[in-house]
PDB file of N, CA and C in Angstrom:
ATOM      1  N   MET A   1     -45.318 -62.842 -66.902  1.00  0.00           N
ATOM      2  CA  MET A   1     -44.159 -61.691 -66.886  1.00  0.00           C
ATOM      3  C   MET A   1     -45.174 -60.798 -66.339  1.00  0.00           C
ATOM      4  N   GLU A   2     -46.359 -60.338 -66.219  1.00  0.00           N
ATOM      5  CA  GLU A   2     -46.943 -59.648 -65.105  1.00  0.00           C
ATOM      6  C   GLU A   2     -47.363 -59.778 -63.710  1.00  0.00           C
ATOM      7  N   ALA A   3     -47.080 -61.346 -63.574  1.00  0.00           N
ATOM      8  CA  ALA A   3     -46.683 -61.891 -62.074  1.00  0.00           C
ATOM      9  C   ALA A   3     -45.213 -61.062 -61.750  1.00  0.00           C
ATOM     10  N   CYS A   4     -44.329 -61.698 -62.334  1.00  0.00           N
ATOM     11  CA  CYS A   4     -43.405 -60.936 -62.019  1.00  0.00           C
ATOM     12  C   CYS A   4     -42.697 -59.473 -61.932  1.00  0.00           C
ATOM     13  N   GLY A   5     -43.975 -58.250 -63.047  1.00  0.00           N
ATOM     14  CA  GLY A   5     -43.686 -57.218 -62.766  1.00  0.00           C
ATOM     15  C   GLY A   5     -42.452 -56.960 -63.577  1.00  0.00           C
ATOM     16  N   LEU A   6     -42.301 -57.260 -64.638  1.00  0.00           N
ATOM     17  CA  LEU A   6     -41.574 -57.082 -66.372  1.00  0.00           C
ATOM     18  C   LEU A   6     -42.576 -56.158 -66.980  1.00  0.00           C
ATOM     19  N   VAL A   7     -41.862 -54.964 -66.971  1.00  0.00           N
ATOM     20  CA  VAL A   7     -42.299 -54.034 -68.362  1.00  0.00           C
ATOM     21  C   VAL A   7     -41.275 -53.833 -69.174  1.00  0.00           C
ATOM     22  N   VAL A   8     -41.536 -54.010 -70.236  1.00  0.00           N
ATOM     23  CA  VAL A   8     -41.021 -54.448 -71.778  1.00  0.00           C
ATOM     24  C   VAL A   8     -41.256 -53.599 -72.509  1.00  0.00           C
ATOM     25  N   ASN A   9     -39.777 -52.808 -72.877  1.00  0.00           N
ATOM     26  CA  ASN A   9     -39.817 -51.238 -73.483  1.00  0.00           C
ATOM     27  C   ASN A   9     -39.120 -51.880 -75.332  1.00  0.00           C
ATOM     28  N   GLU A  10     -38.664 -52.973 -75.520  1.00  0.00           N
ATOM     29  CA  GLU A  10     -38.162 -53.390 -76.523  1.00  0.00           C
ATOM     30  C   GLU A  10     -37.981 -54.193 -77.009  1.00  0.00           C
ATOM     31  N   VAL A  11     -38.351 -55.239 -78.239  1.00  0.00           N
ATOM     32  CA  VAL A  11     -38.196 -56.758 -78.035  1.00  0.00           C
ATOM     33  C   VAL A  11     -37.190 -55.955 -79.862  1.00  0.00           C
ATOM     34  N   SER A  12     -36.667 -56.979 -79.898  1.00  0.00           N
ATOM     35  CA  SER A  12     -35.884 -57.131 -81.178  1.00  0.00           C
ATOM     36  C   SER A  12     -35.397 -58.661 -81.141  1.00  0.00           C
ATOM     37  N   PRO A  13     -35.212 -58.986 -82.712  1.00  0.00           N
ATOM     38  CA  PRO A  13     -34.468 -60.294 -82.728  1.00  0.00           C
ATOM     39  C   PRO A  13     -33.150 -60.816 -81.801  1.00  0.00           C
ATOM     40  N   THR A  14     -32.567 -59.697 -81.859  1.00  0.00           N
ATOM     41  CA  THR A  14     -31.494 -60.050 -80.921  1.00  0.00           C
ATOM     42  C   THR A  14     -30.795 -58.899 -79.728  1.00  0.00           C
ATOM     43  N   HIS A  15     -31.950 -58.631 -78.951  1.00  0.00           N
ATOM     44  CA  HIS A  15     -32.252 -57.570 -78.292  1.00  0.00           C
ATOM     45  C   HIS A  15     -33.669 -57.292 -77.138  1.00  0.00           C
ATOM     46  N   VAL A  16     -33.407 -57.309 -76.193  1.00  0.00           N
ATOM     47  CA  VAL A  16     -34.960 -56.983 -75.476  1.00  0.00           C
ATOM     48  C   VAL A  16     -34.534 -55.602 -74.304  1.00  0.00           C
ATOM     49  N   THR A  17     -35.032 -55.222 -73.822  1.00  0.00           N
ATOM     50  CA  THR A  17     -35.194 -54.125 -72.888  1.00  0.00           C
ATOM     51  C   THR A  17     -36.181 -54.082 -71.588  1.00  0.00           C
ATOM     52  N   GLY A  18     -36.181 -54.039 -70.555  1.00  0.00           N
ATOM     53  CA  GLY A  18     -37.465 -53.597 -70.015  1.00  0.00           C
ATOM     54  C   GLY A  18     -36.698 -52.801 -68.218  1.00  0.00           C
ATOM     55  N   TRP A  19     -38.060 -53.298 -67.599  1.00  0.00           N
ATOM     56  CA  TRP A  19     -37.526 -52.892 -65.966  1.00  0.00           C
ATOM     57  C   TRP A  19     -38.739 -53.782 -64.976  1.00  0.00           C
ATOM     58  N   ILE A  20     -38.281 -53.384 -63.919  1.00  0.00           N
ATOM     59  CA  ILE A  20     -39.368 -54.298 -62.727  1.00  0.00           C
ATOM     60  C   ILE A  20     -39.254 -53.334 -61.565  1.00  0.00           C
ATOM     61  N   ASP A  21     -40.024 -52.644 -61.019  1.00  0.00           N
ATOM     62  CA  ASP A  21     -40.359 -52.250 -59.754  1.00  0.00           C
ATOM     63  C   ASP A  21     -40.670 -53.219 -59.034  1.00  0.00           C
ATOM     64  N   LEU A  22     -39.277 -53.440 -58.276  1.00  0.00           N
ATOM     65  CA  LEU A  22     -39.392 -54.329 -56.590  1.00  0.00           C
ATOM     66  C   LEU A  22     -40.130 -53.752 -55.776  1.00  0.00           C
ATOM     67  N   THR A  23     -40.895 -54.590 -54.895  1.00  0.00           N
ATOM     68  CA  THR A  23     -41.645 -54.034 -53.633  1.00  0.00           C
ATOM     69  C   THR A  23     -41.513 -54.991 -52.699  1.00  0.00           C
ATOM     70  N   ALA A  24     -42.219 -54.742 -51.545  1.00  0.00           N
ATOM     71  CA  ALA A  24     -42.386 -56.070 -50.514  1.00  0.00           C
ATOM     72  C   ALA A  24     -43.338 -57.203 -51.146  1.00  0.00           C
ATOM     73  N   ASP A  25     -43.795 -56.644 -52.221  1.00  0.00           N
ATOM     74  CA  ASP A  25     -44.886 -57.853 -52.863  1.00  0.00           C
ATOM     75  C   ASP A  25     -43.710 -59.426 -53.303  1.00  0.00           C
ATOM     76  N   PHE A  26     -42.439 -59.045 -53.443  1.00  0.00           N
ATOM     77  CA  PHE A  26     -41.133 -59.777 -54.049  1.00  0.00           C
ATOM     78  C   PHE A  26     -40.551 -60.174 -53.096  1.00  0.00           C
ATOM     79  N   HIS A  27     -41.101 -60.056 -52.033  1.00  0.00           N
ATOM     80  CA  HIS A  27     -39.214 -60.736 -51.079  1.00  0.00           C
ATOM     81  C   HIS A  27     -40.027 -62.599 -50.758  1.00  0.00           C
ATOM     82  N   GLN A  28     -38.707 -62.769 -50.633  1.00  0.00           N
ATOM     83  CA  GLN A  28     -38.898 -64.144 -49.396  1.00  0.00           C
ATOM     84  C   GLN A  28     -39.338 -64.157 -48.141  1.00  0.00           C
ATOM     85  N   PRO A  29     -38.757 -64.757 -47.330  1.00  0.00           N
ATOM     86  CA  PRO A  29     -39.503 -64.761 -46.103  1.00  0.00           C
ATOM     87  C   PRO A  29     -38.445 -64.330 -44.762  1.00  0.00           C
ATOM     88  N   PHE A  30     -37.225 -64.012 -45.956  1.00  0.00           N
ATOM     89  CA  PHE A  30     -36.091 -62.824 -45.246  1.00  0.00           C
ATOM     90  C   PHE A  30     -35.984 -61.743 -45.527  1.00  0.00           C
ATOM     91  N   GLY A  31     -36.834 -61.196 -46.695  1.00  0.00           N
ATOM     92  CA  GLY A  31     -37.170 -59.697 -46.158  1.00  0.00           C
ATOM     93  C   GLY A  31     -36.304 -58.922 -47.381  1.00  0.00           C
ATOM     94  N   ILE A  32     -35.669 -60.456 -48.737  1.00  0.00           N
ATOM     95  CA  ILE A  32     -35.297 -59.424 -49.531  1.00  0.00           C
ATOM     96  C   ILE A  32     -35.697 -60.398 -50.887  1.00  0.00           C
ATOM     97  N   VAL A  33     -35.451 -59.896 -51.796  1.00  0.00           N
ATOM     98  CA  VAL A  33     -36.470 -60.062 -53.564  1.00  0.00           C
ATOM     99  C   VAL A  33     -36.208 -62.050 -53.532  1.00  0.00           C
ATOM    100  N   HIS A  34     -36.936 -62.589 -53.808  1.00  0.00           N
ATOM    101  CA  HIS A  34     -37.131 -63.571 -54.248  1.00  0.00           C
ATOM    102  C   HIS A  34     -35.977 -63.790 -55.309  1.00  0.00           C
ATOM    103  N   GLY A  35     -35.009 -65.210 -55.475  1.00  0.00           N
ATOM    104  CA  GLY A  35     -34.317 -64.683 -56.705  1.00  0.00           C
ATOM    105  C   GLY A  35     -34.864 -65.340 -58.017  1.00  0.00           C
ATOM    106  N   GLY A  36     -36.572 -66.153 -57.495  1.00  0.00           N
ATOM    107  CA  GLY A  36     -37.614 -66.600 -58.728  1.00  0.00           C
ATOM    108  C   GLY A  36     -37.485 -65.477 -59.499  1.00  0.00           C
ATOM    109  N   VAL A  37     -37.561 -63.942 -59.181  1.00  0.00           N
ATOM    110  CA  VAL A  37     -38.146 -62.695 -59.805  1.00  0.00           C
ATOM    111  C   VAL A  37     -37.033 -62.968 -61.030  1.00  0.00           C
ATOM    112  N   TYR A  38     -35.848 -62.638 -60.679  1.00  0.00           N
ATOM    113  CA  TYR A  38     -34.529 -62.609 -61.639  1.00  0.00           C
ATOM    114  C   TYR A  38     -34.449 -63.877 -62.417  1.00  0.00           C
ATOM    115  N   ALA A  39     -34.711 -65.057 -61.969  1.00  0.00           N
ATOM    116  CA  ALA A  39     -34.934 -65.864 -63.048  1.00  0.00           C
ATOM    117  C   ALA A  39     -36.337 -65.934 -63.700  1.00  0.00           C
ATOM    118  N   SER A  40     -37.018 -65.529 -63.781  1.00  0.00           N
ATOM    119  CA  SER A  40     -38.316 -64.777 -64.588  1.00  0.00           C
ATOM    120  C   SER A  40     -38.074 -64.057 -65.651  1.00  0.00           C
ATOM    121  N   ALA A  41     -37.297 -62.863 -64.584  1.00  0.00           N
ATOM    122  CA  ALA A  41     -36.885 -62.135 -65.817  1.00  0.00           C
ATOM    123  C   ALA A  41     -35.931 -62.488 -67.219  1.00  0.00           C
ATOM    124  N   VAL A  42     -34.834 -63.579 -66.845  1.00  0.00           N
ATOM    125  CA  VAL A  42     -34.597 -63.953 -67.859  1.00  0.00           C
ATOM    126  C   VAL A  42     -34.883 -64.845 -68.283  1.00  0.00           C
ATOM    127  N   GLU A  43     -35.347 -65.465 -68.109  1.00  0.00           N
ATOM    128  CA  GLU A  43     -36.481 -66.442 -69.107  1.00  0.00           C
ATOM    129  C   GLU A  43     -37.281 -65.484 -69.879  1.00  0.00           C
ATOM    130  N   SER A  44     -38.164 -64.655 -69.154  1.00  0.00           N
ATOM    131  CA  SER A  44     -39.572 -63.930 -70.288  1.00  0.00           C
ATOM    132  C   SER A  44     -38.417 -62.867 -70.832  1.00  0.00           C
ATOM    133  N   ALA A  45     -37.682 -62.407 -70.582  1.00  0.00           N
ATOM    134  CA  ALA A  45     -36.764 -61.210 -72.003  1.00  0.00           C
ATOM    135  C   ALA A  45     -36.006 -61.876 -72.570  1.00  0.00           C
ATOM    136  N   ALA A  46     -35.496 -62.858 -72.578  1.00  0.00           N
ATOM    137  CA  ALA A  46     -34.704 -64.024 -73.519  1.00  0.00           C
ATOM    138  C   ALA A  46     -35.567 -64.777 -74.571  1.00  0.00           C
ATOM    139  N   SER A  47     -36.844 -65.265 -73.750  1.00  0.00           N
ATOM    140  CA  SER A  47     -37.854 -65.954 -74.635  1.00  0.00           C
ATOM    141  C   SER A  47     -38.378 -65.183 -75.768  1.00  0.00           C
ATOM    142  N   MET A  48     -38.395 -63.855 -75.051  1.00  0.00           N
ATOM    143  CA  MET A  48     -39.474 -62.961 -76.235  1.00  0.00           C
ATOM    144  C   MET A  48     -38.396 -62.201 -77.503  1.00  0.00           C
ATOM    145  N   GLY A  49     -37.468 -61.808 -77.420  1.00  0.00           N
ATOM    146  CA  GLY A  49     -36.440 -61.902 -77.754  1.00  0.00           C
ATOM    147  C   GLY A  49     -36.036 -62.977 -79.159  1.00  0.00           C
ATOM    148  N   ALA A  50     -35.927 -64.509 -78.889  1.00  0.00           N
ATOM    149  CA  ALA A  50     -35.867 -65.369 -79.799  1.00  0.00           C
ATOM    150  C   ALA A  50     -36.277 -65.956 -80.278  1.00  0.00           C
ATOM    151  N   THR A  51     -38.097 -65.589 -79.961  1.00  0.00           N
ATOM    152  CA  THR A  51     -39.004 -66.034 -80.801  1.00  0.00           C
ATOM    153  C   THR A  51     -39.316 -65.267 -81.684  1.00  0.00           C
ATOM    154  N   ALA A  52     -39.054 -63.850 -81.523  1.00  0.00           N
ATOM    155  CA  ALA A  52     -39.158 -62.510 -82.507  1.00  0.00           C
ATOM    156  C   ALA A  52     -37.897 -63.003 -83.482  1.00  0.00           C
ATOM    157  N   ALA A  53     -36.964 -63.602 -83.423  1.00  0.00           N
ATOM    158  CA  ALA A  53     -36.041 -64.008 -84.086  1.00  0.00           C
ATOM    159  C   ALA A  53     -36.170 -65.186 -85.034  1.00  0.00           C
ATOM    160  N   VAL A  54     -37.501 -65.666 -84.556  1.00  0.00           N
ATOM    161  CA  VAL A  54     -37.689 -66.643 -85.515  1.00  0.00           C
ATOM    162  C   VAL A  54     -39.306 -67.015 -85.694  1.00  0.00           C
ATOM    163  N   SER A  55     -39.721 -66.060 -85.336  1.00  0.00           N
ATOM    164  CA  SER A  55     -41.260 -66.080 -85.643  1.00  0.00           C
ATOM    165  C   SER A  55     -41.680 -65.819 -87.250  1.00  0.00           C
ATOM    166  N   ASP A  56     -41.074 -65.415 -87.939  1.00  0.00           N
ATOM    167  CA  ASP A  56     -40.427 -65.252 -89.710  1.00  0.00           C
ATOM    168  C   ASP A  56     -40.583 -66.836 -90.286  1.00  0.00           C
ATOM    169  N   LYS A  57     -40.110 -67.692 -89.159  1.00  0.00           N
ATOM    170  CA  LYS A  57     -40.439 -69.179 -90.355  1.00  0.00           C
ATOM    171  C   LYS A  57     -41.073 -69.967 -88.723  1.00  0.00           C
ATOM    172  N   GLY A  58     -42.017 -69.264 -88.741  1.00  0.00           N
ATOM    173  CA  GLY A  58     -43.237 -70.040 -87.843  1.00  0.00           C
ATOM    174  C   GLY A  58     -42.946 -71.019 -86.291  1.00  0.00           C
ATOM    175  N   LEU A  59     -41.898 -70.380 -86.242  1.00  0.00           N
ATOM    176  CA  LEU A  59     -41.566 -70.962 -84.885  1.00  0.00           C
ATOM    177  C   LEU A  59     -41.316 -70.345 -83.637  1.00  0.00           C
ATOM    178  N   ILE A  60     -41.222 -70.549 -82.316  1.00  0.00           N
ATOM    179  CA  ILE A  60     -41.619 -70.162 -81.561  1.00  0.00           C
ATOM    180  C   ILE A  60     -40.238 -70.450 -80.935  1.00  0.00           C
ATOM    181  N   ALA A  61     -39.052 -70.327 -79.318  1.00  0.00           N
ATOM    182  CA  ALA A  61     -38.291 -70.347 -78.374  1.00  0.00           C
ATOM    183  C   ALA A  61     -38.942 -70.782 -77.488  1.00  0.00           C
ATOM    184  N   VAL A  62     -38.666 -71.728 -77.138  1.00  0.00           N
ATOM    185  CA  VAL A  62     -38.806 -72.015 -75.413  1.00  0.00           C
ATOM    186  C   VAL A  62     -37.494 -72.663 -74.394  1.00  0.00           C
ATOM    187  N   GLY A  63     -37.209 -71.725 -73.614  1.00  0.00           N
ATOM    188  CA  GLY A  63     -36.300 -72.484 -72.946  1.00  0.00           C
ATOM    189  C   GLY A  63     -35.879 -73.868 -72.707  1.00  0.00           C
ATOM    190  N   VAL A  64     -35.155 -74.063 -72.120  1.00  0.00           N
ATOM    191  CA  VAL A  64     -34.326 -75.640 -72.022  1.00  0.00           C
ATOM    192  C   VAL A  64     -33.228 -75.286 -70.867  1.00  0.00           C
ATOM    193  N   ASN A  65     -32.561 -74.719 -70.872  1.00  0.00           N
ATOM    194  CA  ASN A  65     -31.541 -74.193 -69.292  1.00  0.00           C
ATOM    195  C   ASN A  65     -31.655 -73.221 -69.324  1.00  0.00           C
ATOM    196  N   ASN A  66     -31.968 -72.321 -67.895  1.00  0.00           N
ATOM    197  CA  ASN A  66     -32.007 -71.169 -67.382  1.00  0.00           C
ATOM    198  C   ASN A  66     -30.627 -71.072 -66.154  1.00  0.00           C
ATOM    199  N   ASN A  67     -29.883 -70.278 -66.345  1.00  0.00           N
ATOM    200  CA  ASN A  67     -28.659 -70.490 -65.355  1.00  0.00           C
ATOM    201  C   ASN A  67     -28.619 -68.783 -64.775  1.00  0.00           C
ATOM    202  N   THR A  68     -28.992 -68.901 -63.367  1.00  0.00           N
ATOM    203  CA  THR A  68     -29.071 -67.711 -63.183  1.00  0.00           C
ATOM    204  C   THR A  68     -28.502 -67.085 -62.152  1.00  0.00           C
ATOM    205  N   ASN A  69     -27.526 -66.140 -62.086  1.00  0.00           N
ATOM    206  CA  ASN A  69     -26.530 -66.082 -60.783  1.00  0.00           C
ATOM    207  C   ASN A  69     -27.239 -64.680 -60.037  1.00  0.00           C
ATOM    208  N   PHE A  70     -27.392 -64.810 -58.849  1.00  0.00           N
ATOM    209  CA  PHE A  70     -27.236 -63.649 -58.014  1.00  0.00           C
ATOM    210  C   PHE A  70     -26.177 -62.830 -57.158  1.00  0.00           C
ATOM    211  N   LEU A  71     -26.073 -62.005 -57.562  1.00  0.00           N
ATOM    212  CA  LEU A  71     -25.380 -61.383 -56.980  1.00  0.00           C
ATOM    213  C   LEU A  71     -25.128 -59.952 -56.175  1.00  0.00           C
ATOM    214  N   ARG A  72     -26.794 -59.515 -55.702  1.00  0.00           N
ATOM    215  CA  ARG A  72     -26.778 -58.553 -54.375  1.00  0.00           C
ATOM    216  C   ARG A  72     -28.131 -58.147 -54.676  1.00  0.00           C
ATOM    217  N   SER A  73     -28.309 -58.414 -53.221  1.00  0.00           N
ATOM    218  CA  SER A  73     -29.529 -58.133 -52.589  1.00  0.00           C
ATOM    219  C   SER A  73     -30.612 -57.467 -52.489  1.00  0.00           C
ATOM    220  N   MET A  74     -31.804 -57.226 -53.035  1.00  0.00           N
ATOM    221  CA  MET A  74     -32.286 -55.696 -52.802  1.00  0.00           C
ATOM    222  C   MET A  74     -33.682 -56.232 -52.250  1.00  0.00           C
ATOM    223  N   THR A  75     -34.203 -54.990 -51.688  1.00  0.00           N
ATOM    224  CA  THR A  75     -35.228 -55.296 -50.591  1.00  0.00           C
ATOM    225  C   THR A  75     -36.275 -54.244 -51.741  1.00  0.00           C
ATOM    226  N   GLU A  76     -35.840 -52.846 -52.579  1.00  0.00           N
ATOM    227  CA  GLU A  76     -36.894 -52.707 -53.601  1.00  0.00           C
ATOM    228  C   GLU A  76     -35.923 -51.654 -54.285  1.00  0.00           C
ATOM    229  N   GLY A  77     -36.660 -51.141 -55.234  1.00  0.00           N
ATOM    230  CA  GLY A  77     -36.012 -50.067 -56.228  1.00  0.00           C
ATOM    231  C   GLY A  77     -36.518 -50.242 -57.927  1.00  0.00           C
ATOM    232  N   ARG A  78     -35.873 -50.135 -58.844  1.00  0.00           N
ATOM    233  CA  ARG A  78     -36.088 -50.395 -60.011  1.00  0.00           C
ATOM    234  C   ARG A  78     -34.788 -51.000 -60.218  1.00  0.00           C
ATOM    235  N   VAL A  79     -35.114 -52.442 -61.161  1.00  0.00           N
ATOM    236  CA  VAL A  79     -33.944 -52.943 -62.179  1.00  0.00           C
ATOM    237  C   VAL A  79     -34.404 -53.104 -63.353  1.00  0.00           C
ATOM    238  N   ILE A  80     -32.915 -52.737 -63.904  1.00  0.00           N
ATOM    239  CA  ILE A  80     -32.969 -52.814 -65.381  1.00  0.00           C
ATOM    240  C   ILE A  80     -32.340 -54.121 -65.819  1.00  0.00           C
ATOM    241  N   ILE A  81     -33.321 -53.979 -67.010  1.00  0.00           N
ATOM    242  CA  ILE A  81     -33.547 -55.952 -67.715  1.00  0.00           C
ATOM    243  C   ILE A  81     -32.531 -55.039 -69.139  1.00  0.00           C
ATOM    244  N   GLU A  82     -31.456 -56.228 -69.201  1.00  0.00           N
ATOM    245  CA  GLU A  82     -31.284 -56.515 -71.015  1.00  0.00           C
ATOM    246  C   GLU A  82     -30.893 -58.121 -71.459  1.00  0.00           C
ATOM    247  N   ALA A  83     -31.170 -58.218 -72.126  1.00  0.00           N
ATOM    248  CA  ALA A  83     -31.237 -59.503 -72.775  1.00  0.00           C
ATOM    249  C   ALA A  83     -30.322 -58.977 -74.664  1.00  0.00           C
ATOM    250  N   ARG A  84     -29.948 -60.028 -74.723  1.00  0.00           N
ATOM    251  CA  ARG A  84     -28.565 -59.847 -75.654  1.00  0.00           C
ATOM    252  C   ARG A  84     -28.383 -61.053 -76.201  1.00  0.00           C
ATOM    253  N   ALA A  85     -28.587 -61.473 -77.561  1.00  0.00           N
ATOM    254  CA  ALA A  85     -28.447 -63.236 -78.484  1.00  0.00           C
ATOM    255  C   ALA A  85     -27.041 -63.238 -78.353  1.00  0.00           C
ATOM    256  N   ILE A  86     -26.535 -64.164 -77.875  1.00  0.00           N
ATOM    257  CA  ILE A  86     -25.217 -64.725 -78.056  1.00  0.00           C
ATOM    258  C   ILE A  86     -24.960 -65.379 -79.215  1.00  0.00           C
ATOM    259  N   SER A  87     -25.518 -65.880 -79.342  1.00  0.00           N
ATOM    260  CA  SER A  87     -25.331 -67.128 -80.809  1.00  0.00           C
ATOM    261  C   SER A  87     -27.218 -67.578 -81.207  1.00  0.00           C
ATOM    262  N   GLN A  88     -27.202 -67.576 -82.256  1.00  0.00           N
ATOM    263  CA  GLN A  88     -28.634 -68.125 -82.950  1.00  0.00           C
ATOM    264  C   GLN A  88     -28.543 -68.825 -83.897  1.00  0.00           C
ATOM    265  N   SER A  89     -28.636 -70.127 -84.189  1.00  0.00           N
ATOM    266  CA  SER A  89     -28.629 -71.030 -84.922  1.00  0.00           C
ATOM    267  C   SER A  89     -29.987 -71.291 -85.446  1.00  0.00           C
ATOM    268  N   ARG A  90     -30.150 -71.910 -86.507  1.00  0.00           N
ATOM    269  CA  ARG A  90     -31.327 -73.296 -86.757  1.00  0.00           C
ATOM    270  C   ARG A  90     -32.499 -73.838 -85.756  1.00  0.00           C
ATOM    271  N   THR A  91     -31.436 -74.259 -84.786  1.00  0.00           N
ATOM    272  CA  THR A  91     -32.468 -74.998 -83.990  1.00  0.00           C
ATOM    273  C   THR A  91     -31.973 -74.641 -82.484  1.00  0.00           C
ATOM    274  N   GLN A  92     -31.345 -73.837 -82.336  1.00  0.00           N
ATOM    275  CA  GLN A  92     -30.950 -73.634 -80.813  1.00  0.00           C
ATOM    276  C   GLN A  92     -30.827 -72.230 -80.768  1.00  0.00           C
ATOM    277  N   GLN A  93     -30.800 -71.188 -79.914  1.00  0.00           N
ATOM    278  CA  GLN A  93     -30.593 -69.869 -79.257  1.00  0.00           C
ATOM    279  C   GLN A  93     -29.151 -69.582 -78.289  1.00  0.00           C
ATOM    280  N   LEU A  94     -28.687 -69.161 -78.238  1.00  0.00           N
ATOM    281  CA  LEU A  94     -28.227 -68.911 -76.484  1.00  0.00           C
ATOM    282  C   LEU A  94     -28.001 -66.998 -76.363  1.00  0.00           C
ATOM    283  N   TRP A  95     -28.924 -66.753 -75.198  1.00  0.00           N
ATOM    284  CA  TRP A  95     -29.001 -65.776 -75.132  1.00  0.00           C
ATOM    285  C   TRP A  95     -28.847 -65.310 -73.355  1.00  0.00           C
ATOM    286  N   GLU A  96     -27.697 -63.761 -73.009  1.00  0.00           N
ATOM    287  CA  GLU A  96     -27.270 -63.065 -72.275  1.00  0.00           C
ATOM    288  C   GLU A  96     -28.262 -62.010 -71.761  1.00  0.00           C
ATOM    289  N   VAL A  97     -28.520 -62.393 -69.894  1.00  0.00           N
ATOM    290  CA  VAL A  97     -29.452 -61.539 -69.688  1.00  0.00           C
ATOM    291  C   VAL A  97     -28.859 -60.098 -68.484  1.00  0.00           C
ATOM    292  N   GLU A  98     -28.647 -59.225 -68.319  1.00  0.00           N
ATOM    293  CA  GLU A  98     -28.346 -58.697 -67.439  1.00  0.00           C
ATOM    294  C   GLU A  98     -29.473 -57.726 -66.326  1.00  0.00           C
ATOM    295  N   ILE A  99     -29.623 -57.958 -65.301  1.00  0.00           N
ATOM    296  CA  ILE A  99     -29.909 -56.994 -64.120  1.00  0.00           C
ATOM    297  C   ILE A  99     -29.468 -55.757 -63.552  1.00  0.00           C
ATOM    298  N   THR A 100     -29.744 -54.789 -63.411  1.00  0.00           N
ATOM    299  CA  THR A 100     -29.060 -53.819 -62.890  1.00  0.00           C
ATOM    300  C   THR A 100     -29.836 -52.598 -62.358  1.00  0.00           C
ATOM    301  N   ASP A 101     -29.135 -52.677 -61.160  1.00  0.00           N
ATOM    302  CA  ASP A 101     -30.257 -51.159 -60.417  1.00  0.00           C
ATOM    303  C   ASP A 101     -29.921 -50.240 -61.056  1.00  0.00           C
ATOM    304  N   GLU A 102     -30.585 -49.139 -60.407  1.00  0.00           N
ATOM    305  CA  GLU A 102     -30.156 -48.210 -60.795  1.00  0.00           C
ATOM    306  C   GLU A 102     -29.272 -47.124 -60.670  1.00  0.00           C
ATOM    307  N   GLN A 103     -28.217 -47.588 -59.566  1.00  0.00           N
ATOM    308  CA  GLN A 103     -26.837 -47.088 -60.017  1.00  0.00           C
ATOM    309  C   GLN A 103     -25.940 -48.107 -60.533  1.00  0.00           C
ATOM    310  N   ASP A 104     -26.295 -48.259 -62.025  1.00  0.00           N
ATOM    311  CA  ASP A 104     -25.783 -48.836 -62.746  1.00  0.00           C
ATOM    312  C   ASP A 104     -25.090 -50.613 -62.400  1.00  0.00           C
ATOM    313  N   ARG A 105     -25.263 -50.889 -61.061  1.00  0.00           N
ATOM    314  CA  ARG A 105     -24.787 -52.376 -60.456  1.00  0.00           C
ATOM    315  C   ARG A 105     -25.531 -53.738 -60.764  1.00  0.00           C
ATOM    316  N   LEU A 106     -24.867 -54.302 -61.459  1.00  0.00           N
ATOM    317  CA  LEU A 106     -25.355 -55.988 -61.537  1.00  0.00           C
ATOM    318  C   LEU A 106     -25.941 -56.533 -60.146  1.00  0.00           C
ATOM    319  N   VAL A 107     -27.071 -57.039 -60.533  1.00  0.00           N
ATOM    320  CA  VAL A 107     -28.109 -57.623 -59.362  1.00  0.00           C
ATOM    321  C   VAL A 107     -27.829 -59.032 -59.545  1.00  0.00           C
ATOM    322  N   ALA A 108     -28.177 -59.354 -60.922  1.00  0.00           N
ATOM    323  CA  ALA A 108     -28.349 -60.863 -61.627  1.00  0.00           C
ATOM    324  C   ALA A 108     -27.706 -60.598 -62.875  1.00  0.00           C
ATOM    325  N   THR A 109     -27.547 -62.077 -63.202  1.00  0.00           N
ATOM    326  CA  THR A 109     -26.520 -62.049 -64.131  1.00  0.00           C
ATOM    327  C   THR A 109     -27.552 -63.319 -64.930  1.00  0.00           C
ATOM    328  N   GLY A 110     -27.399 -63.985 -66.160  1.00  0.00           N
ATOM    329  CA  GLY A 110     -28.034 -65.127 -66.650  1.00  0.00           C
ATOM    330  C   GLY A 110     -27.911 -65.118 -67.992  1.00  0.00           C
ATOM    331  N   GLN A 111     -28.326 -66.768 -68.423  1.00  0.00           N
ATOM    332  CA  GLN A 111     -27.911 -67.386 -69.741  1.00  0.00           C
ATOM    333  C   GLN A 111     -28.932 -68.388 -69.781  1.00  0.00           C
ATOM    334  N   LEU A 112     -29.656 -67.945 -70.710  1.00  0.00           N
ATOM    335  CA  LEU A 112     -30.916 -68.967 -71.668  1.00  0.00           C
ATOM    336  C   LEU A 112     -30.439 -69.611 -72.514  1.00  0.00           C
ATOM    337  N   ARG A 113     -31.003 -71.319 -72.838  1.00  0.00           N
ATOM    338  CA  ARG A 113     -30.646 -71.701 -73.993  1.00  0.00           C
ATOM    339  C   ARG A 113     -32.235 -71.913 -74.205  1.00  0.00           C
ATOM    340  N   LEU A 114     -32.467 -71.875 -75.888  1.00  0.00           N
ATOM    341  CA  LEU A 114     -33.139 -71.750 -76.067  1.00  0.00           C
ATOM    342  C   LEU A 114     -33.601 -72.680 -76.980  1.00  0.00           C
ATOM    343  N   GLN A 115     -35.010 -73.543 -77.325  1.00  0.00           N
ATOM    344  CA  GLN A 115     -34.934 -74.256 -78.893  1.00  0.00           C
ATOM    345  C   GLN A 115     -35.864 -74.055 -79.586  1.00  0.00           C
ATOM    346  N   ASN A 116     -35.465 -73.784 -81.207  1.00  0.00           N
ATOM    347  CA  ASN A 116     -36.540 -73.155 -81.848  1.00  0.00           C
ATOM    348  C   ASN A 116     -37.642 -74.688 -82.094  1.00  0.00           C
ATOM    349  N   VAL A 117     -38.735 -74.138 -81.638  1.00  0.00           N
ATOM    350  CA  VAL A 117     -39.729 -75.000 -82.383  1.00  0.00           C
ATOM    351  C   VAL A 117     -40.756 -74.905 -82.923  1.00  0.00           C
ATOM    352  N   THR A 118     -41.975 -75.969 -83.346  1.00  0.00           N
ATOM    353  CA  THR A 118     -43.409 -75.137 -84.038  1.00  0.00           C
ATOM    354  C   THR A 118     -43.467 -75.301 -83.028  1.00  0.00           C
ATOM    355  N   PRO A 119     -44.756 -74.373 -82.592  1.00  0.00           N
ATOM    356  CA  PRO A 119     -45.709 -74.640 -81.737  1.00  0.00           C
ATOM    357  C   PRO A 119     -46.839 -75.559 -81.566  1.00  0.00           C
ATOM    358  N   ARG A 120     -47.349 -75.980 -80.945  1.00  0.00           N
ATOM    359  CA  ARG A 120     -48.584 -76.948 -81.129  1.00  0.00           C
ATOM    360  C   ARG A 120     -49.717 -76.534 -81.477  1.00  0.00           C
TER     361      ARG A 120
END
């Protein structure tokens, strides 16, 4: 999370919020923020919330499918991360994550399916 710059404000079993300050450090060769930054934010935020939802059972939640769509390119600025649980069952969870800029425009959106597992 530190490598992709994610700062977390709130973690609950159904909701996670945070932000990333985007700089040239996150650029791909064409001068815009690399999509992997957004995919990492989706995976990290949803995983934290999903694990919070099952930790009382001695479980963790691990991503099994990350589908992130990139909608608006950026070169710098703060993006807001907001993750919400869509479905939480005994074995799997589905989370939706929105990434918006400071003008509340959607930059990327993703869904993460997670498996609830016993930690090694």
